[in-house]
Amino acid sequence: MKNKRTDRLNSELRKLIYEVISNRLMLPEVTEMFTITEVDCAPDLKSAKVYLSVYSQSEDKRKKTYDAICKASSEIRKELCHVMSIRTVPELRFYEDGAFAYGNKIDTILSIHIILNILT
């Protein structure tokens, strides 16, 4: 079970990681809109899973943005060291959050279902 400290750290990391990527690093490969949906620190605070959603109409641009952020994980961690006041900043592991894509898929299915019901 997670404790309050880990929950607060997860929330703070989520905000700071977004800020570092969008304002401090200025990665030229990051061309699409993105959000950090969740951060899940390990109980020992050595590593953190960072769930990332990239919003784009182009699959190629979405993939390039996601890959650029993943490749910059050590730079992001370095910047977090300067901003945060904890002993060690956890190692960041980025994972793609498929919730947005799944939601779009469900919307499409429902739209098709509604259209078929209207036609019949």
N, C-alpha and C. Protein backbone atom coordinates (compact mmCIF):
# COMPACT_ATOMS: atom_id res chain seq x y z
N MET A 1 0.83 -1.18 0.00
CA MET A 1 0.00 0.00 0.00
C MET A 1 0.88 1.25 0.00
N LYS A 2 0.43 2.23 -0.78
CA LYS A 2 1.21 3.46 -0.87
C LYS A 2 0.98 4.33 0.35
N ASN A 3 2.02 5.05 0.70
CA ASN A 3 1.87 5.97 1.83
C ASN A 3 1.70 7.40 1.33
N LYS A 4 1.43 8.31 2.22
CA LYS A 4 1.16 9.69 1.85
C LYS A 4 2.37 10.35 1.20
N ARG A 5 3.56 10.00 1.68
CA ARG A 5 4.77 10.61 1.14
C ARG A 5 4.93 10.24 -0.34
N THR A 6 4.72 8.97 -0.64
CA THR A 6 4.85 8.52 -2.03
C THR A 6 3.78 9.17 -2.91
N ASP A 7 2.58 9.30 -2.41
CA ASP A 7 1.52 9.95 -3.17
C ASP A 7 1.85 11.41 -3.47
N ARG A 8 2.37 12.11 -2.46
CA ARG A 8 2.76 13.52 -2.66
C ARG A 8 3.91 13.61 -3.66
N LEU A 9 4.87 12.71 -3.54
CA LEU A 9 6.01 12.71 -4.46
C LEU A 9 5.55 12.42 -5.89
N ASN A 10 4.64 11.47 -6.06
CA ASN A 10 4.12 11.16 -7.39
C ASN A 10 3.46 12.38 -8.02
N SER A 11 2.66 13.07 -7.23
CA SER A 11 1.97 14.26 -7.73
C SER A 11 2.97 15.36 -8.09
N GLU A 12 3.93 15.58 -7.24
CA GLU A 12 4.93 16.62 -7.50
C GLU A 12 5.79 16.27 -8.71
N LEU A 13 6.18 15.02 -8.82
CA LEU A 13 6.98 14.59 -9.97
C LEU A 13 6.21 14.78 -11.27
N ARG A 14 4.93 14.46 -11.27
CA ARG A 14 4.11 14.60 -12.47
C ARG A 14 4.14 16.05 -12.96
N LYS A 15 3.97 17.00 -12.05
CA LYS A 15 3.99 18.41 -12.41
C LYS A 15 5.37 18.85 -12.90
N LEU A 16 6.39 18.45 -12.14
CA LEU A 16 7.75 18.91 -12.46
C LEU A 16 8.30 18.29 -13.74
N ILE A 17 7.98 17.04 -14.01
CA ILE A 17 8.46 16.40 -15.24
C ILE A 17 7.87 17.13 -16.44
N TYR A 18 6.57 17.44 -16.38
CA TYR A 18 5.94 18.18 -17.47
C TYR A 18 6.61 19.54 -17.65
N GLU A 19 6.85 20.23 -16.55
CA GLU A 19 7.48 21.55 -16.62
C GLU A 19 8.89 21.48 -17.22
N VAL A 20 9.66 20.48 -16.79
CA VAL A 20 11.02 20.33 -17.30
C VAL A 20 11.02 20.05 -18.80
N ILE A 21 10.15 19.15 -19.25
CA ILE A 21 10.12 18.82 -20.68
C ILE A 21 9.66 20.00 -21.51
N SER A 22 8.61 20.68 -21.06
CA SER A 22 8.05 21.74 -21.89
C SER A 22 8.77 23.07 -21.77
N ASN A 23 9.39 23.37 -20.62
CA ASN A 23 9.97 24.70 -20.44
C ASN A 23 11.49 24.74 -20.32
N ARG A 24 12.10 23.72 -19.79
CA ARG A 24 13.54 23.78 -19.54
C ARG A 24 14.37 23.13 -20.63
N LEU A 25 13.96 21.97 -21.11
CA LEU A 25 14.80 21.24 -22.07
C LEU A 25 14.66 21.75 -23.49
N MET A 26 13.46 22.14 -23.87
CA MET A 26 13.20 22.64 -25.22
C MET A 26 13.70 21.66 -26.29
N LEU A 27 13.24 20.43 -26.23
CA LEU A 27 13.62 19.41 -27.20
C LEU A 27 12.98 19.71 -28.55
N PRO A 28 13.77 19.84 -29.62
CA PRO A 28 13.19 20.17 -30.93
C PRO A 28 12.32 19.04 -31.50
N GLU A 29 12.56 17.82 -31.05
CA GLU A 29 11.78 16.68 -31.56
C GLU A 29 10.38 16.63 -30.96
N VAL A 30 10.18 17.32 -29.84
CA VAL A 30 8.87 17.33 -29.19
C VAL A 30 8.02 18.40 -29.87
N THR A 31 7.25 17.96 -30.86
CA THR A 31 6.44 18.89 -31.65
C THR A 31 4.95 18.77 -31.35
N GLU A 32 4.56 17.72 -30.66
CA GLU A 32 3.14 17.48 -30.42
C GLU A 32 2.79 17.76 -28.96
N MET A 33 1.50 17.95 -28.72
CA MET A 33 1.02 18.17 -27.37
C MET A 33 1.09 16.86 -26.59
N PHE A 34 1.50 16.94 -25.33
CA PHE A 34 1.62 15.75 -24.51
C PHE A 34 1.19 16.07 -23.09
N THR A 35 0.97 15.03 -22.33
CA THR A 35 0.68 15.19 -20.91
C THR A 35 1.24 14.01 -20.14
N ILE A 36 1.63 14.29 -18.92
CA ILE A 36 2.07 13.23 -18.01
C ILE A 36 0.81 12.84 -17.24
N THR A 37 0.29 11.65 -17.51
CA THR A 37 -0.98 11.25 -16.90
C THR A 37 -0.80 10.71 -15.49
N GLU A 38 0.33 10.06 -15.24
CA GLU A 38 0.52 9.47 -13.91
C GLU A 38 1.99 9.19 -13.69
N VAL A 39 2.41 9.27 -12.44
CA VAL A 39 3.75 8.86 -12.02
C VAL A 39 3.57 7.89 -10.88
N ASP A 40 4.30 6.78 -10.95
CA ASP A 40 4.19 5.75 -9.91
C ASP A 40 5.59 5.41 -9.42
N CYS A 41 5.96 5.96 -8.27
CA CYS A 41 7.28 5.70 -7.68
C CYS A 41 7.29 4.35 -6.99
N ALA A 42 8.42 3.69 -7.06
CA ALA A 42 8.61 2.44 -6.32
C ALA A 42 8.68 2.78 -4.82
N PRO A 43 8.36 1.81 -3.97
CA PRO A 43 8.39 2.08 -2.52
C PRO A 43 9.75 2.53 -2.00
N ASP A 44 10.84 2.08 -2.64
CA ASP A 44 12.17 2.50 -2.21
C ASP A 44 12.61 3.82 -2.84
N LEU A 45 11.77 4.41 -3.70
CA LEU A 45 12.00 5.69 -4.36
C LEU A 45 13.22 5.68 -5.29
N LYS A 46 13.63 4.51 -5.74
CA LYS A 46 14.78 4.42 -6.64
C LYS A 46 14.36 4.58 -8.10
N SER A 47 13.13 4.19 -8.42
CA SER A 47 12.67 4.29 -9.80
C SER A 47 11.23 4.76 -9.83
N ALA A 48 10.83 5.27 -10.99
CA ALA A 48 9.46 5.75 -11.15
C ALA A 48 8.98 5.44 -12.56
N LYS A 49 7.76 4.93 -12.64
CA LYS A 49 7.12 4.73 -13.92
C LYS A 49 6.37 6.01 -14.25
N VAL A 50 6.63 6.54 -15.43
CA VAL A 50 5.99 7.78 -15.86
C VAL A 50 5.11 7.45 -17.06
N TYR A 51 3.81 7.66 -16.92
CA TYR A 51 2.86 7.37 -17.98
C TYR A 51 2.61 8.65 -18.77
N LEU A 52 2.79 8.55 -20.08
CA LEU A 52 2.82 9.69 -20.97
C LEU A 52 1.80 9.51 -22.08
N SER A 53 1.01 10.54 -22.37
CA SER A 53 0.09 10.54 -23.50
C SER A 53 0.52 11.63 -24.46
N VAL A 54 0.62 11.28 -25.73
CA VAL A 54 0.96 12.24 -26.78
C VAL A 54 -0.26 12.36 -27.68
N TYR A 55 -0.72 13.59 -27.89
CA TYR A 55 -1.91 13.84 -28.71
C TYR A 55 -1.47 14.35 -30.07
N SER A 56 -1.78 13.57 -31.11
CA SER A 56 -1.41 13.97 -32.45
C SER A 56 -2.29 13.25 -33.46
N GLN A 57 -2.55 13.91 -34.57
CA GLN A 57 -3.28 13.28 -35.67
C GLN A 57 -2.36 12.37 -36.48
N SER A 58 -1.09 12.68 -36.47
CA SER A 58 -0.11 11.90 -37.23
C SER A 58 0.57 10.88 -36.32
N GLU A 59 0.48 9.63 -36.69
CA GLU A 59 1.11 8.58 -35.89
C GLU A 59 2.64 8.74 -35.88
N ASP A 60 3.20 9.19 -36.99
CA ASP A 60 4.65 9.38 -37.09
C ASP A 60 5.13 10.47 -36.14
N LYS A 61 4.44 11.60 -36.11
CA LYS A 61 4.82 12.70 -35.21
C LYS A 61 4.64 12.29 -33.75
N ARG A 62 3.57 11.56 -33.47
CA ARG A 62 3.31 11.10 -32.11
C ARG A 62 4.45 10.21 -31.64
N LYS A 63 4.87 9.29 -32.50
CA LYS A 63 5.96 8.36 -32.17
C LYS A 63 7.28 9.10 -31.97
N LYS A 64 7.57 10.08 -32.82
CA LYS A 64 8.81 10.85 -32.69
C LYS A 64 8.85 11.64 -31.38
N THR A 65 7.73 12.22 -31.02
CA THR A 65 7.65 12.97 -29.77
C THR A 65 7.85 12.05 -28.58
N TYR A 66 7.17 10.92 -28.60
CA TYR A 66 7.30 9.95 -27.51
C TYR A 66 8.74 9.44 -27.38
N ASP A 67 9.35 9.09 -28.51
CA ASP A 67 10.73 8.59 -28.49
C ASP A 67 11.72 9.65 -27.99
N ALA A 68 11.50 10.90 -28.39
CA ALA A 68 12.40 11.98 -27.95
C ALA A 68 12.34 12.16 -26.44
N ILE A 69 11.14 12.08 -25.89
CA ILE A 69 11.00 12.22 -24.43
C ILE A 69 11.65 11.05 -23.72
N CYS A 70 11.45 9.85 -24.25
CA CYS A 70 12.07 8.65 -23.64
C CYS A 70 13.59 8.74 -23.66
N LYS A 71 14.15 9.20 -24.77
CA LYS A 71 15.60 9.30 -24.90
C LYS A 71 16.18 10.37 -23.96
N ALA A 72 15.39 11.34 -23.63
CA ALA A 72 15.86 12.44 -22.78
C ALA A 72 15.64 12.17 -21.29
N SER A 73 15.34 10.94 -20.92
CA SER A 73 15.00 10.66 -19.52
C SER A 73 16.14 11.01 -18.56
N SER A 74 17.39 10.77 -18.96
CA SER A 74 18.50 11.11 -18.06
C SER A 74 18.65 12.63 -17.93
N GLU A 75 18.41 13.37 -19.02
CA GLU A 75 18.47 14.83 -18.95
C GLU A 75 17.34 15.38 -18.08
N ILE A 76 16.17 14.77 -18.21
CA ILE A 76 15.02 15.18 -17.39
C ILE A 76 15.34 14.95 -15.92
N ARG A 77 15.92 13.81 -15.63
CA ARG A 77 16.27 13.49 -14.24
C ARG A 77 17.29 14.49 -13.69
N LYS A 78 18.27 14.86 -14.53
CA LYS A 78 19.27 15.84 -14.11
C LYS A 78 18.63 17.18 -13.76
N GLU A 79 17.70 17.61 -14.60
CA GLU A 79 17.00 18.87 -14.34
C GLU A 79 16.17 18.77 -13.06
N LEU A 80 15.56 17.62 -12.84
CA LEU A 80 14.77 17.43 -11.62
C LEU A 80 15.65 17.52 -10.37
N CYS A 81 16.90 17.08 -10.48
CA CYS A 81 17.84 17.18 -9.35
C CYS A 81 18.03 18.63 -8.93
N HIS A 82 18.04 19.54 -9.91
CA HIS A 82 18.23 20.96 -9.61
C HIS A 82 16.97 21.58 -8.99
N VAL A 83 15.82 21.05 -9.33
CA VAL A 83 14.55 21.66 -8.92
C VAL A 83 14.04 21.09 -7.60
N MET A 84 14.23 19.80 -7.39
CA MET A 84 13.64 19.13 -6.22
C MET A 84 14.60 19.11 -5.04
N SER A 85 14.02 19.02 -3.88
CA SER A 85 14.84 18.99 -2.66
C SER A 85 14.68 17.63 -1.96
N ILE A 86 15.02 16.57 -2.69
CA ILE A 86 15.03 15.24 -2.08
C ILE A 86 16.42 14.65 -2.30
N ARG A 87 16.74 13.67 -1.49
CA ARG A 87 18.08 13.10 -1.52
C ARG A 87 18.44 12.54 -2.90
N THR A 88 17.60 11.67 -3.42
CA THR A 88 17.84 11.12 -4.75
C THR A 88 16.57 11.21 -5.57
N VAL A 89 16.72 11.64 -6.81
CA VAL A 89 15.60 11.67 -7.74
C VAL A 89 15.50 10.28 -8.37
N PRO A 90 14.32 9.70 -8.42
CA PRO A 90 14.20 8.35 -8.96
C PRO A 90 14.55 8.27 -10.45
N GLU A 91 15.01 7.10 -10.85
CA GLU A 91 15.25 6.84 -12.27
C GLU A 91 13.90 6.81 -12.97
N LEU A 92 13.80 7.50 -14.10
CA LEU A 92 12.52 7.64 -14.79
C LEU A 92 12.41 6.62 -15.92
N ARG A 93 11.31 5.89 -15.93
CA ARG A 93 11.01 4.95 -17.02
C ARG A 93 9.68 5.37 -17.62
N PHE A 94 9.71 5.74 -18.90
CA PHE A 94 8.50 6.24 -19.56
C PHE A 94 7.72 5.10 -20.20
N TYR A 95 6.40 5.19 -20.04
CA TYR A 95 5.48 4.22 -20.63
C TYR A 95 4.38 5.00 -21.34
N GLU A 96 3.95 4.47 -22.45
CA GLU A 96 2.88 5.12 -23.19
C GLU A 96 1.54 4.80 -22.55
N ASP A 97 0.78 5.84 -22.28
CA ASP A 97 -0.55 5.66 -21.71
C ASP A 97 -1.54 5.56 -22.86
N GLY A 98 -2.15 4.42 -23.00
CA GLY A 98 -3.06 4.17 -24.12
C GLY A 98 -4.49 4.58 -23.86
N ALA A 99 -4.77 5.25 -22.78
CA ALA A 99 -6.14 5.62 -22.44
C ALA A 99 -6.76 6.54 -23.48
N PHE A 100 -6.00 7.49 -24.01
CA PHE A 100 -6.53 8.43 -24.99
C PHE A 100 -6.88 7.69 -26.28
N ALA A 101 -5.99 6.83 -26.75
CA ALA A 101 -6.25 6.06 -27.96
C ALA A 101 -7.44 5.13 -27.77
N TYR A 102 -7.53 4.52 -26.61
CA TYR A 102 -8.64 3.63 -26.31
C TYR A 102 -9.96 4.41 -26.30
N GLY A 103 -9.95 5.58 -25.72
CA GLY A 103 -11.15 6.43 -25.71
C GLY A 103 -11.58 6.81 -27.11
N ASN A 104 -10.62 7.16 -27.97
CA ASN A 104 -10.94 7.48 -29.36
C ASN A 104 -11.54 6.28 -30.08
N LYS A 105 -11.01 5.11 -29.81
CA LYS A 105 -11.52 3.88 -30.44
C LYS A 105 -12.97 3.64 -30.02
N ILE A 106 -13.26 3.80 -28.74
CA ILE A 106 -14.63 3.63 -28.23
C ILE A 106 -15.56 4.67 -28.84
N ASP A 107 -15.11 5.93 -28.95
CA ASP A 107 -15.92 6.97 -29.58
C ASP A 107 -16.26 6.62 -31.02
N THR A 108 -15.29 6.11 -31.75
CA THR A 108 -15.51 5.72 -33.14
C THR A 108 -16.53 4.59 -33.22
N ILE A 109 -16.39 3.60 -32.39
CA ILE A 109 -17.33 2.47 -32.38
C ILE A 109 -18.74 2.95 -32.06
N LEU A 110 -18.86 3.82 -31.05
CA LEU A 110 -20.18 4.34 -30.69
C LEU A 110 -20.78 5.19 -31.80
N SER A 111 -19.95 5.99 -32.46
CA SER A 111 -20.44 6.82 -33.57
C SER A 111 -20.96 5.95 -34.70
N ILE A 112 -20.24 4.90 -35.04
CA ILE A 112 -20.66 3.98 -36.10
C ILE A 112 -21.96 3.29 -35.69
N HIS A 113 -22.05 2.89 -34.44
CA HIS A 113 -23.26 2.25 -33.95
C HIS A 113 -24.46 3.17 -34.02
N ILE A 114 -24.30 4.44 -33.68
CA ILE A 114 -25.39 5.42 -33.73
C ILE A 114 -25.82 5.65 -35.17
N ILE A 115 -24.86 5.76 -36.06
CA ILE A 115 -25.17 5.98 -37.48
C ILE A 115 -25.92 4.79 -38.04
N LEU A 116 -25.50 3.59 -37.71
CA LEU A 116 -26.19 2.39 -38.19
C LEU A 116 -27.61 2.32 -37.65
N ASN A 117 -27.81 2.72 -36.39
CA ASN A 117 -29.15 2.73 -35.83
C ASN A 117 -30.05 3.75 -36.51
N ILE A 118 -29.49 4.88 -36.91
CA ILE A 118 -30.27 5.90 -37.61
C ILE A 118 -30.67 5.42 -39.00
N LEU A 119 -29.76 4.74 -39.66
CA LEU A 119 -30.01 4.25 -41.03
C LEU A 119 -31.01 3.09 -41.07
N THR A 120 -31.11 2.35 -40.00
CA THR A 120 -32.04 1.22 -40.01
C THR A 120 -33.36 1.51 -39.37
